[in-house]
Amino acid sequence: MQRLTLLDAMRGTMCLARIALQSRGRIRSRYWQWRDETAFGNGRWPVSRAQRVRALIEYGAWVWRMRALTRG
């Protein structure tokens, strides 16, 4: 697992905030329920809350990097 730097954590958090704004705060929609189930196994995969938060921030940082690649 790659180390999450402070800059990556800040970028990931900003990207997650942007995604939340784009989805108008509906984080319990069908899409986000499906996303949660595919990422975390619908509660069958035992992970702590801290691990889930870290995974979400890592996802946000990954989205940030992918968007940066498309901007060239």
N, C-alpha and C. Protein backbone atom coordinates (compact mmCIF):
# COMPACT_ATOMS: atom_id res chain seq x y z
N MET A 1 0.84 -1.17 0.00
CA MET A 1 0.00 0.00 0.00
C MET A 1 0.89 1.24 0.00
N GLN A 2 0.52 2.20 -0.81
CA GLN A 2 1.28 3.42 -0.91
C GLN A 2 0.99 4.34 0.27
N ARG A 3 2.02 5.04 0.72
CA ARG A 3 1.85 5.96 1.84
C ARG A 3 1.04 7.17 1.40
N LEU A 4 0.07 7.56 2.20
CA LEU A 4 -0.79 8.70 1.91
C LEU A 4 -0.16 9.95 2.52
N THR A 5 0.29 10.86 1.66
CA THR A 5 0.92 12.08 2.15
C THR A 5 -0.17 13.08 2.58
N LEU A 6 0.24 14.10 3.30
CA LEU A 6 -0.70 15.13 3.73
C LEU A 6 -1.31 15.83 2.52
N LEU A 7 -0.50 16.11 1.50
CA LEU A 7 -1.01 16.75 0.29
C LEU A 7 -2.03 15.86 -0.40
N ASP A 8 -1.75 14.56 -0.50
CA ASP A 8 -2.71 13.63 -1.09
C ASP A 8 -4.00 13.59 -0.29
N ALA A 9 -3.88 13.61 1.03
CA ALA A 9 -5.07 13.58 1.89
C ALA A 9 -5.91 14.84 1.68
N MET A 10 -5.25 15.99 1.55
CA MET A 10 -5.99 17.24 1.32
C MET A 10 -6.66 17.23 -0.05
N ARG A 11 -5.93 16.79 -1.05
CA ARG A 11 -6.50 16.71 -2.41
C ARG A 11 -7.66 15.71 -2.45
N GLY A 12 -7.47 14.58 -1.80
CA GLY A 12 -8.53 13.57 -1.77
C GLY A 12 -9.78 14.08 -1.08
N THR A 13 -9.61 14.80 0.02
CA THR A 13 -10.75 15.36 0.73
C THR A 13 -11.46 16.40 -0.12
N MET A 14 -10.68 17.25 -0.81
CA MET A 14 -11.29 18.25 -1.69
C MET A 14 -12.05 17.59 -2.83
N CYS A 15 -11.49 16.54 -3.38
CA CYS A 15 -12.14 15.85 -4.48
C CYS A 15 -13.43 15.17 -4.01
N LEU A 16 -13.41 14.59 -2.82
CA LEU A 16 -14.62 13.97 -2.27
C LEU A 16 -15.69 15.02 -2.01
N ALA A 17 -15.28 16.21 -1.55
CA ALA A 17 -16.24 17.30 -1.34
C ALA A 17 -16.85 17.72 -2.67
N ARG A 18 -16.04 17.77 -3.71
CA ARG A 18 -16.53 18.12 -5.05
C ARG A 18 -17.54 17.08 -5.54
N ILE A 19 -17.22 15.81 -5.33
CA ILE A 19 -18.13 14.73 -5.74
C ILE A 19 -19.45 14.84 -4.96
N ALA A 20 -19.36 15.14 -3.67
CA ALA A 20 -20.57 15.29 -2.86
C ALA A 20 -21.42 16.45 -3.36
N LEU A 21 -20.78 17.56 -3.74
CA LEU A 21 -21.53 18.70 -4.28
C LEU A 21 -22.17 18.35 -5.61
N GLN A 22 -21.46 17.64 -6.45
CA GLN A 22 -22.00 17.25 -7.75
C GLN A 22 -23.19 16.31 -7.61
N SER A 23 -23.17 15.47 -6.60
CA SER A 23 -24.28 14.55 -6.39
C SER A 23 -25.36 15.16 -5.49
N ARG A 24 -25.20 16.47 -5.23
CA ARG A 24 -26.16 17.25 -4.45
C ARG A 24 -26.38 16.68 -3.05
N GLY A 25 -25.34 16.10 -2.49
CA GLY A 25 -25.40 15.59 -1.13
C GLY A 25 -26.17 14.28 -0.97
N ARG A 26 -26.59 13.70 -2.08
CA ARG A 26 -27.33 12.44 -2.01
C ARG A 26 -26.35 11.27 -1.98
N ILE A 27 -25.70 11.10 -0.85
CA ILE A 27 -24.69 10.04 -0.76
C ILE A 27 -25.30 8.68 -0.42
N ARG A 28 -26.59 8.63 -0.22
CA ARG A 28 -27.26 7.34 -0.01
C ARG A 28 -28.10 6.95 -1.22
N SER A 29 -27.74 7.48 -2.39
CA SER A 29 -28.45 7.12 -3.61
C SER A 29 -28.08 5.70 -4.01
N ARG A 30 -28.75 5.18 -5.02
CA ARG A 30 -28.47 3.82 -5.47
C ARG A 30 -27.03 3.66 -5.94
N TYR A 31 -26.52 4.69 -6.63
CA TYR A 31 -25.14 4.61 -7.12
C TYR A 31 -24.17 4.48 -5.96
N TRP A 32 -24.31 5.33 -4.95
CA TRP A 32 -23.37 5.30 -3.84
C TRP A 32 -23.54 4.04 -2.99
N GLN A 33 -24.73 3.50 -2.90
CA GLN A 33 -24.92 2.22 -2.20
C GLN A 33 -24.20 1.11 -2.96
N TRP A 34 -24.34 1.13 -4.29
CA TRP A 34 -23.66 0.14 -5.10
C TRP A 34 -22.14 0.29 -4.97
N ARG A 35 -21.66 1.53 -4.99
CA ARG A 35 -20.22 1.80 -4.87
C ARG A 35 -19.68 1.30 -3.53
N ASP A 36 -20.45 1.52 -2.48
CA ASP A 36 -20.06 1.05 -1.15
C ASP A 36 -20.00 -0.48 -1.11
N GLU A 37 -20.99 -1.13 -1.72
CA GLU A 37 -21.03 -2.58 -1.72
C GLU A 37 -19.88 -3.17 -2.51
N THR A 38 -19.53 -2.56 -3.64
CA THR A 38 -18.44 -3.10 -4.45
C THR A 38 -17.09 -2.85 -3.79
N ALA A 39 -16.96 -1.75 -3.07
CA ALA A 39 -15.68 -1.44 -2.43
C ALA A 39 -15.50 -2.17 -1.10
N PHE A 40 -16.57 -2.31 -0.33
CA PHE A 40 -16.44 -2.83 1.03
C PHE A 40 -17.23 -4.10 1.28
N GLY A 41 -17.90 -4.66 0.29
CA GLY A 41 -18.55 -5.94 0.43
C GLY A 41 -19.85 -5.94 1.21
N ASN A 42 -20.55 -4.84 1.25
CA ASN A 42 -21.87 -4.76 1.89
C ASN A 42 -21.85 -5.23 3.34
N GLY A 43 -20.81 -4.86 4.06
CA GLY A 43 -20.73 -5.18 5.48
C GLY A 43 -20.18 -6.56 5.79
N ARG A 44 -19.93 -7.35 4.76
CA ARG A 44 -19.41 -8.70 5.00
C ARG A 44 -17.90 -8.71 5.18
N TRP A 45 -17.25 -7.66 4.76
CA TRP A 45 -15.80 -7.57 4.88
C TRP A 45 -15.51 -6.69 6.08
N PRO A 46 -15.03 -7.25 7.17
CA PRO A 46 -14.88 -6.47 8.40
C PRO A 46 -13.74 -5.45 8.32
N VAL A 47 -14.10 -4.19 8.22
CA VAL A 47 -13.10 -3.12 8.24
C VAL A 47 -13.55 -2.10 9.27
N SER A 48 -12.58 -1.49 9.90
CA SER A 48 -12.91 -0.48 10.90
C SER A 48 -13.31 0.82 10.22
N ARG A 49 -13.91 1.70 10.98
CA ARG A 49 -14.32 3.00 10.44
C ARG A 49 -13.10 3.78 9.94
N ALA A 50 -12.00 3.71 10.67
CA ALA A 50 -10.77 4.40 10.26
C ALA A 50 -10.27 3.88 8.91
N GLN A 51 -10.35 2.58 8.70
CA GLN A 51 -9.91 2.00 7.43
C GLN A 51 -10.82 2.45 6.29
N ARG A 52 -12.12 2.54 6.56
CA ARG A 52 -13.06 3.00 5.53
C ARG A 52 -12.79 4.45 5.17
N VAL A 53 -12.55 5.30 6.17
CA VAL A 53 -12.27 6.71 5.91
C VAL A 53 -10.99 6.84 5.10
N ARG A 54 -9.98 6.10 5.49
CA ARG A 54 -8.70 6.14 4.75
C ARG A 54 -8.90 5.68 3.31
N ALA A 55 -9.66 4.63 3.11
CA ALA A 55 -9.92 4.14 1.76
C ALA A 55 -10.67 5.19 0.93
N LEU A 56 -11.61 5.89 1.55
CA LEU A 56 -12.34 6.93 0.83
C LEU A 56 -11.41 8.08 0.44
N ILE A 57 -10.53 8.48 1.36
CA ILE A 57 -9.59 9.56 1.05
C ILE A 57 -8.61 9.12 -0.03
N GLU A 58 -8.17 7.87 0.01
CA GLU A 58 -7.29 7.36 -1.04
C GLU A 58 -8.02 7.35 -2.38
N TYR A 59 -9.30 7.01 -2.38
CA TYR A 59 -10.09 7.04 -3.61
C TYR A 59 -10.17 8.48 -4.13
N GLY A 60 -10.42 9.43 -3.25
CA GLY A 60 -10.46 10.83 -3.66
C GLY A 60 -9.15 11.30 -4.24
N ALA A 61 -8.03 10.89 -3.64
CA ALA A 61 -6.71 11.25 -4.16
C ALA A 61 -6.47 10.62 -5.52
N TRP A 62 -6.93 9.39 -5.70
CA TRP A 62 -6.81 8.72 -7.00
C TRP A 62 -7.61 9.46 -8.06
N VAL A 63 -8.84 9.86 -7.72
CA VAL A 63 -9.67 10.62 -8.66
C VAL A 63 -8.97 11.92 -9.03
N TRP A 64 -8.37 12.60 -8.05
CA TRP A 64 -7.64 13.84 -8.30
C TRP A 64 -6.53 13.61 -9.33
N ARG A 65 -5.76 12.53 -9.12
CA ARG A 65 -4.66 12.24 -10.05
C ARG A 65 -5.16 11.91 -11.45
N MET A 66 -6.26 11.16 -11.55
CA MET A 66 -6.80 10.81 -12.85
C MET A 66 -7.32 12.05 -13.58
N ARG A 67 -7.96 12.96 -12.85
CA ARG A 67 -8.45 14.20 -13.46
C ARG A 67 -7.26 15.05 -13.91
N ALA A 68 -6.18 15.05 -13.14
CA ALA A 68 -4.98 15.82 -13.51
C ALA A 68 -4.37 15.26 -14.79
N LEU A 69 -4.42 13.96 -14.97
CA LEU A 69 -3.88 13.35 -16.19
C LEU A 69 -4.69 13.74 -17.41
N THR A 70 -5.99 13.88 -17.26
CA THR A 70 -6.83 14.23 -18.40
C THR A 70 -6.69 15.70 -18.79
N ARG A 71 -6.27 16.52 -17.83
CA ARG A 71 -6.07 17.94 -18.13
C ARG A 71 -4.76 18.17 -18.88
N GLY A 72 -3.89 17.18 -18.83
CA GLY A 72 -2.65 17.24 -19.58
C GLY A 72 -1.66 18.11 -18.99
